[in-house]
């Protein structure tokens, strides 16, 4: 994958751990602008859950979109966004080795949510934002990443990724399944 000032749109289409393709669809658009990784998740799902409103909360229990990004294939950031706009972000080498980023750094990540439709049959919304690359140490020529959609406390939980994860149970914190993205501007 290439990240540049031109928009690249990909479909999250690895439906994992019993998730059903017909229930949730996600398109992710990525591009670089003024030193920021810009993103836009376009989501259609059966249920919209927006219970977490505070940053560093349990956002994965809501309708949640995630970008996990590594500059070196060893350390990575987990940017996890609730459909409310709340963000959980940490840094480390694995699930059990995470340090939350500082409030100052967290506030540098722009994000907004636009609800397009929310009924008892379908929800559609867009989550978009910008991650400044330099403050996070991500201003390199190659990044390693994966993107996810989950909803652990939805009536029908789902787990979807951009790049496949070959594990028997849910675990997005697996850097070995990150794909490579060439960064050029």
C-alpha atoms as a PDB file:
ATOM      1  CA  UNK A   1       0.000   0.000   0.000  1.00  0.00           C
ATOM      2  CA  UNK A   2       1.141   3.578  -0.681  1.00  0.00           C
ATOM      3  CA  UNK A   3       0.382   6.577   1.505  1.00  0.00           C
ATOM      4  CA  UNK A   4       0.731   9.909  -0.254  1.00  0.00           C
ATOM      5  CA  UNK A   5      -1.162  13.139  -0.796  1.00  0.00           C
ATOM      6  CA  UNK A   6      -3.526  11.164  -3.045  1.00  0.00           C
ATOM      7  CA  UNK A   7      -6.342   9.343  -1.277  1.00  0.00           C
ATOM      8  CA  UNK A   8      -6.209   5.552  -1.116  1.00  0.00           C
ATOM      9  CA  UNK A   9      -9.414   3.686  -0.258  1.00  0.00           C
ATOM     10  CA  UNK A  10      -9.383   0.097   0.986  1.00  0.00           C
ATOM     11  CA  UNK A  11     -12.102  -2.219   2.195  1.00  0.00           C
ATOM     12  CA  UNK A  12     -11.752  -3.978   5.523  1.00  0.00           C
ATOM     13  CA  UNK A  13     -12.690  -7.443   4.354  1.00  0.00           C
ATOM     14  CA  UNK A  14     -11.121  -9.959   6.718  1.00  0.00           C
ATOM     15  CA  UNK A  15     -14.170 -11.044   8.734  1.00  0.00           C
ATOM     16  CA  UNK A  16     -12.741 -12.785  11.770  1.00  0.00           C
ATOM     17  CA  UNK A  17     -13.897 -15.009  14.618  1.00  0.00           C
ATOM     18  CA  UNK A  18     -17.436 -15.655  13.398  1.00  0.00           C
ATOM     19  CA  UNK A  19     -18.171 -12.133  12.129  1.00  0.00           C
ATOM     20  CA  UNK A  20     -20.754 -11.958   9.344  1.00  0.00           C
ATOM     21  CA  UNK A  21     -19.988 -10.071   6.145  1.00  0.00           C
ATOM     22  CA  UNK A  22     -23.610  -9.004   5.615  1.00  0.00           C
ATOM     23  CA  UNK A  23     -23.814  -7.243   9.006  1.00  0.00           C
ATOM     24  CA  UNK A  24     -20.969  -4.711   8.709  1.00  0.00           C
ATOM     25  CA  UNK A  25     -19.102  -2.998   5.879  1.00  0.00           C
ATOM     26  CA  UNK A  26     -16.163  -0.626   6.308  1.00  0.00           C
ATOM     27  CA  UNK A  27     -14.246   1.488   3.801  1.00  0.00           C
ATOM     28  CA  UNK A  28     -11.084   3.231   4.978  1.00  0.00           C
ATOM     29  CA  UNK A  29      -9.555   6.134   3.080  1.00  0.00           C
ATOM     30  CA  UNK A  30      -6.007   7.220   3.962  1.00  0.00           C
ATOM     31  CA  UNK A  31      -3.791  10.050   2.734  1.00  0.00           C
ATOM     32  CA  UNK A  32      -0.961  12.319   3.896  1.00  0.00           C
ATOM     33  CA  UNK A  33      -1.502  16.077   4.193  1.00  0.00           C
ATOM     34  CA  UNK A  34       0.772  18.642   5.869  1.00  0.00           C
ATOM     35  CA  UNK A  35       2.628  16.007   7.888  1.00  0.00           C
ATOM     36  CA  UNK A  36      -0.575  14.302   9.064  1.00  0.00           C
ATOM     37  CA  UNK A  37      -1.943  10.857   8.370  1.00  0.00           C
ATOM     38  CA  UNK A  38      -5.532  11.656   7.434  1.00  0.00           C
ATOM     39  CA  UNK A  39      -8.179   8.960   7.669  1.00  0.00           C
ATOM     40  CA  UNK A  40     -11.854   8.481   6.961  1.00  0.00           C
ATOM     41  CA  UNK A  41     -13.792   5.383   8.009  1.00  0.00           C
ATOM     42  CA  UNK A  42     -17.124   4.957   6.227  1.00  0.00           C
ATOM     43  CA  UNK A  43     -19.143   2.409   8.200  1.00  0.00           C
ATOM     44  CA  UNK A  44     -22.428   0.597   7.695  1.00  0.00           C
ATOM     45  CA  UNK A  45     -23.517  -1.749  10.488  1.00  0.00           C
ATOM     46  CA  UNK A  46     -26.676  -3.107  12.085  1.00  0.00           C
ATOM     47  CA  UNK A  47     -26.208  -1.483  15.495  1.00  0.00           C
ATOM     48  CA  UNK A  48     -24.576   1.779  16.539  1.00  0.00           C
ATOM     49  CA  UNK A  49     -23.211   1.846  20.091  1.00  0.00           C
ATOM     50  CA  UNK A  50     -21.787   5.121  21.455  1.00  0.00           C
ATOM     51  CA  UNK A  51     -21.573   4.754  25.230  1.00  0.00           C
ATOM     52  CA  UNK A  52     -17.929   5.774  25.794  1.00  0.00           C
ATOM     53  CA  UNK A  53     -17.346   9.531  25.597  1.00  0.00           C
ATOM     54  CA  UNK A  54     -14.106   9.975  27.554  1.00  0.00           C
ATOM     55  CA  UNK A  55     -10.655   9.532  26.010  1.00  0.00           C
ATOM     56  CA  UNK A  56      -8.710   6.451  27.154  1.00  0.00           C
ATOM     57  CA  UNK A  57     -12.003   4.717  27.991  1.00  0.00           C
ATOM     58  CA  UNK A  58     -13.182   1.241  26.940  1.00  0.00           C
ATOM     59  CA  UNK A  59     -13.872   2.277  23.325  1.00  0.00           C
ATOM     60  CA  UNK A  60     -13.605  -1.291  21.928  1.00  0.00           C
ATOM     61  CA  UNK A  61     -16.928  -2.058  23.630  1.00  0.00           C
ATOM     62  CA  UNK A  62     -18.648   0.537  21.405  1.00  0.00           C
ATOM     63  CA  UNK A  63     -18.869   0.650  17.628  1.00  0.00           C
ATOM     64  CA  UNK A  64     -15.115   1.056  17.256  1.00  0.00           C
ATOM     65  CA  UNK A  65     -12.655   1.743  14.421  1.00  0.00           C
ATOM     66  CA  UNK A  66      -8.927   1.261  14.945  1.00  0.00           C
ATOM     67  CA  UNK A  67      -5.592   2.056  13.330  1.00  0.00           C
ATOM     68  CA  UNK A  68      -2.521   0.284  14.723  1.00  0.00           C
ATOM     69  CA  UNK A  69       0.673   1.844  13.357  1.00  0.00           C
ATOM     70  CA  UNK A  70       4.344   0.922  13.784  1.00  0.00           C
ATOM     71  CA  UNK A  71       7.460   2.774  12.584  1.00  0.00           C
ATOM     72  CA  UNK A  72       9.791  -0.206  13.138  1.00  0.00           C
ATOM     73  CA  UNK A  73       7.836  -3.515  13.318  1.00  0.00           C
ATOM     74  CA  UNK A  74       8.652  -3.670  17.054  1.00  0.00           C
ATOM     75  CA  UNK A  75       6.777  -0.813  18.752  1.00  0.00           C
ATOM     76  CA  UNK A  76       3.353   0.401  17.723  1.00  0.00           C
ATOM     77  CA  UNK A  77       0.568   2.822  18.580  1.00  0.00           C
ATOM     78  CA  UNK A  78      -3.017   1.668  18.913  1.00  0.00           C
ATOM     79  CA  UNK A  79      -5.424   4.448  17.871  1.00  0.00           C
ATOM     80  CA  UNK A  80      -8.887   3.157  18.842  1.00  0.00           C
ATOM     81  CA  UNK A  81     -11.901   5.387  18.166  1.00  0.00           C
ATOM     82  CA  UNK A  82     -15.446   5.002  19.463  1.00  0.00           C
ATOM     83  CA  UNK A  83     -18.229   6.133  17.140  1.00  0.00           C
ATOM     84  CA  UNK A  84     -18.673   8.892  19.754  1.00  0.00           C
ATOM     85  CA  UNK A  85     -15.234  10.271  18.843  1.00  0.00           C
ATOM     86  CA  UNK A  86     -13.549   9.125  22.074  1.00  0.00           C
ATOM     87  CA  UNK A  87      -9.974   7.908  21.556  1.00  0.00           C
ATOM     88  CA  UNK A  88      -7.869   5.310  23.333  1.00  0.00           C
ATOM     89  CA  UNK A  89      -4.193   5.397  22.421  1.00  0.00           C
ATOM     90  CA  UNK A  90      -1.199   3.563  23.792  1.00  0.00           C
ATOM     91  CA  UNK A  91       2.345   2.668  22.787  1.00  0.00           C
ATOM     92  CA  UNK A  92       4.372  -0.481  23.307  1.00  0.00           C
ATOM     93  CA  UNK A  93       5.439  -3.821  21.859  1.00  0.00           C
ATOM     94  CA  UNK A  94       2.347  -5.924  22.556  1.00  0.00           C
ATOM     95  CA  UNK A  95      -1.003  -6.248  24.298  1.00  0.00           C
ATOM     96  CA  UNK A  96       0.526  -6.570  27.786  1.00  0.00           C
ATOM     97  CA  UNK A  97       3.212  -3.921  27.172  1.00  0.00           C
ATOM     98  CA  UNK A  98       1.187  -0.708  26.618  1.00  0.00           C
ATOM     99  CA  UNK A  99       1.682   2.756  28.026  1.00  0.00           C
ATOM    100  CA  UNK A 100      -1.102   5.294  27.476  1.00  0.00           C
ATOM    101  CA  UNK A 101       0.075   8.337  25.517  1.00  0.00           C
ATOM    102  CA  UNK A 102       0.077  11.663  27.352  1.00  0.00           C
ATOM    103  CA  UNK A 103      -3.021  13.874  27.320  1.00  0.00           C
ATOM    104  CA  UNK A 104      -0.979  16.481  25.445  1.00  0.00           C
ATOM    105  CA  UNK A 105      -0.168  14.035  22.644  1.00  0.00           C
ATOM    106  CA  UNK A 106      -3.698  12.611  22.614  1.00  0.00           C
ATOM    107  CA  UNK A 107      -5.158  16.085  22.041  1.00  0.00           C
ATOM    108  CA  UNK A 108      -3.102  16.430  18.843  1.00  0.00           C
ATOM    109  CA  UNK A 109      -5.219  13.736  17.149  1.00  0.00           C
ATOM    110  CA  UNK A 110      -8.155  15.392  15.386  1.00  0.00           C
ATOM    111  CA  UNK A 111     -11.343  13.372  15.020  1.00  0.00           C
ATOM    112  CA  UNK A 112     -15.003  13.871  14.227  1.00  0.00           C
ATOM    113  CA  UNK A 113     -18.036  11.670  13.653  1.00  0.00           C
ATOM    114  CA  UNK A 114     -20.935  12.290  11.288  1.00  0.00           C
ATOM    115  CA  UNK A 115     -24.031  10.101  11.715  1.00  0.00           C
ATOM    116  CA  UNK A 116     -25.700   9.604   8.330  1.00  0.00           C
ATOM    117  CA  UNK A 117     -28.420   7.157   9.379  1.00  0.00           C
ATOM    118  CA  UNK A 118     -29.360   5.413  12.596  1.00  0.00           C
ATOM    119  CA  UNK A 119     -32.460   3.225  12.651  1.00  0.00           C
ATOM    120  CA  UNK A 120     -33.441  -0.136  14.093  1.00  0.00           C
ATOM    121  CA  UNK A 121     -32.319  -1.724  10.788  1.00  0.00           C
ATOM    122  CA  UNK A 122     -29.063  -0.009   9.846  1.00  0.00           C
ATOM    123  CA  UNK A 123     -26.569   2.620  10.976  1.00  0.00           C
ATOM    124  CA  UNK A 124     -24.248   4.531   8.681  1.00  0.00           C
ATOM    125  CA  UNK A 125     -21.617   6.989   9.814  1.00  0.00           C
ATOM    126  CA  UNK A 126     -18.231   8.472   9.001  1.00  0.00           C
ATOM    127  CA  UNK A 127     -15.348   8.810  11.443  1.00  0.00           C
ATOM    128  CA  UNK A 128     -12.564  11.010  10.146  1.00  0.00           C
ATOM    129  CA  UNK A 129      -9.493  12.689  11.517  1.00  0.00           C
ATOM    130  CA  UNK A 130      -5.785  13.379  11.413  1.00  0.00           C
ATOM    131  CA  UNK A 131      -2.812  11.900  13.254  1.00  0.00           C
ATOM    132  CA  UNK A 132       0.259  14.174  13.231  1.00  0.00           C
ATOM    133  CA  UNK A 133       3.165  11.946  12.206  1.00  0.00           C
ATOM    134  CA  UNK A 134       6.160  13.787  13.702  1.00  0.00           C
ATOM    135  CA  UNK A 135       4.953  14.068  17.349  1.00  0.00           C
ATOM    136  CA  UNK A 136       4.263  10.321  17.361  1.00  0.00           C
ATOM    137  CA  UNK A 137       7.617   9.437  15.741  1.00  0.00           C
ATOM    138  CA  UNK A 138       5.824   8.127  12.657  1.00  0.00           C
ATOM    139  CA  UNK A 139       7.449  10.481  10.134  1.00  0.00           C
ATOM    140  CA  UNK A 140       9.334   7.689   8.344  1.00  0.00           C
ATOM    141  CA  UNK A 141       9.350   6.391   4.760  1.00  0.00           C
ATOM    142  CA  UNK A 142       7.742   3.045   5.642  1.00  0.00           C
ATOM    143  CA  UNK A 143       5.021   2.348   8.214  1.00  0.00           C
ATOM    144  CA  UNK A 144       3.579  -0.989   9.258  1.00  0.00           C
ATOM    145  CA  UNK A 145      -0.098  -1.044  10.088  1.00  0.00           C
ATOM    146  CA  UNK A 146      -3.403  -2.782  10.316  1.00  0.00           C
ATOM    147  CA  UNK A 147      -6.897  -1.413  10.671  1.00  0.00           C
ATOM    148  CA  UNK A 148      -9.831  -2.904  12.514  1.00  0.00           C
ATOM    149  CA  UNK A 149     -13.540  -2.604  13.185  1.00  0.00           C
ATOM    150  CA  UNK A 150     -14.978  -4.161  16.315  1.00  0.00           C
ATOM    151  CA  UNK A 151     -17.828  -3.874  18.765  1.00  0.00           C
ATOM    152  CA  UNK A 152     -17.337  -6.152  21.737  1.00  0.00           C
ATOM    153  CA  UNK A 153     -20.599  -5.225  23.523  1.00  0.00           C
ATOM    154  CA  UNK A 154     -22.865  -5.028  20.500  1.00  0.00           C
ATOM    155  CA  UNK A 155     -25.779  -7.467  20.432  1.00  0.00           C
ATOM    156  CA  UNK A 156     -23.831  -9.311  17.726  1.00  0.00           C
ATOM    157  CA  UNK A 157     -20.114  -8.575  18.301  1.00  0.00           C
ATOM    158  CA  UNK A 158     -17.926  -8.424  15.213  1.00  0.00           C
ATOM    159  CA  UNK A 159     -14.214  -8.308  14.392  1.00  0.00           C
ATOM    160  CA  UNK A 160     -12.974  -7.161  10.991  1.00  0.00           C
ATOM    161  CA  UNK A 161      -9.465  -6.306   9.816  1.00  0.00           C
ATOM    162  CA  UNK A 162      -7.744  -4.894   6.758  1.00  0.00           C
ATOM    163  CA  UNK A 163      -4.987  -7.526   6.775  1.00  0.00           C
ATOM    164  CA  UNK A 164      -5.918 -11.077   7.862  1.00  0.00           C
ATOM    165  CA  UNK A 165      -5.119 -12.318  11.366  1.00  0.00           C
ATOM    166  CA  UNK A 166      -4.551 -16.060  11.632  1.00  0.00           C
ATOM    167  CA  UNK A 167      -5.402 -16.735  15.274  1.00  0.00           C
ATOM    168  CA  UNK A 168      -8.159 -18.834  16.878  1.00  0.00           C
ATOM    169  CA  UNK A 169      -9.564 -16.024  19.065  1.00  0.00           C
ATOM    170  CA  UNK A 170      -9.815 -12.193  18.957  1.00  0.00           C
ATOM    171  CA  UNK A 171      -6.502 -10.349  19.335  1.00  0.00           C
ATOM    172  CA  UNK A 172      -5.714  -7.293  17.218  1.00  0.00           C
ATOM    173  CA  UNK A 173      -2.458  -6.630  19.097  1.00  0.00           C
ATOM    174  CA  UNK A 174      -0.405  -8.816  16.753  1.00  0.00           C
ATOM    175  CA  UNK A 175       2.246  -6.785  14.940  1.00  0.00           C
ATOM    176  CA  UNK A 176       3.248  -9.797  12.830  1.00  0.00           C
ATOM    177  CA  UNK A 177      -0.005  -9.353  10.872  1.00  0.00           C
ATOM    178  CA  UNK A 178       0.606  -5.666  10.042  1.00  0.00           C
ATOM    179  CA  UNK A 179       0.956  -4.754   6.369  1.00  0.00           C
ATOM    180  CA  UNK A 180       3.564  -2.413   4.908  1.00  0.00           C
ATOM    181  CA  UNK A 181       2.747   1.120   3.753  1.00  0.00           C
ATOM    182  CA  UNK A 182       5.219   3.174   1.764  1.00  0.00           C
ATOM    183  CA  UNK A 183       4.980   6.847   2.743  1.00  0.00           C
ATOM    184  CA  UNK A 184       5.676   9.530   0.127  1.00  0.00           C
ATOM    185  CA  UNK A 185       4.579  13.125  -0.167  1.00  0.00           C
END
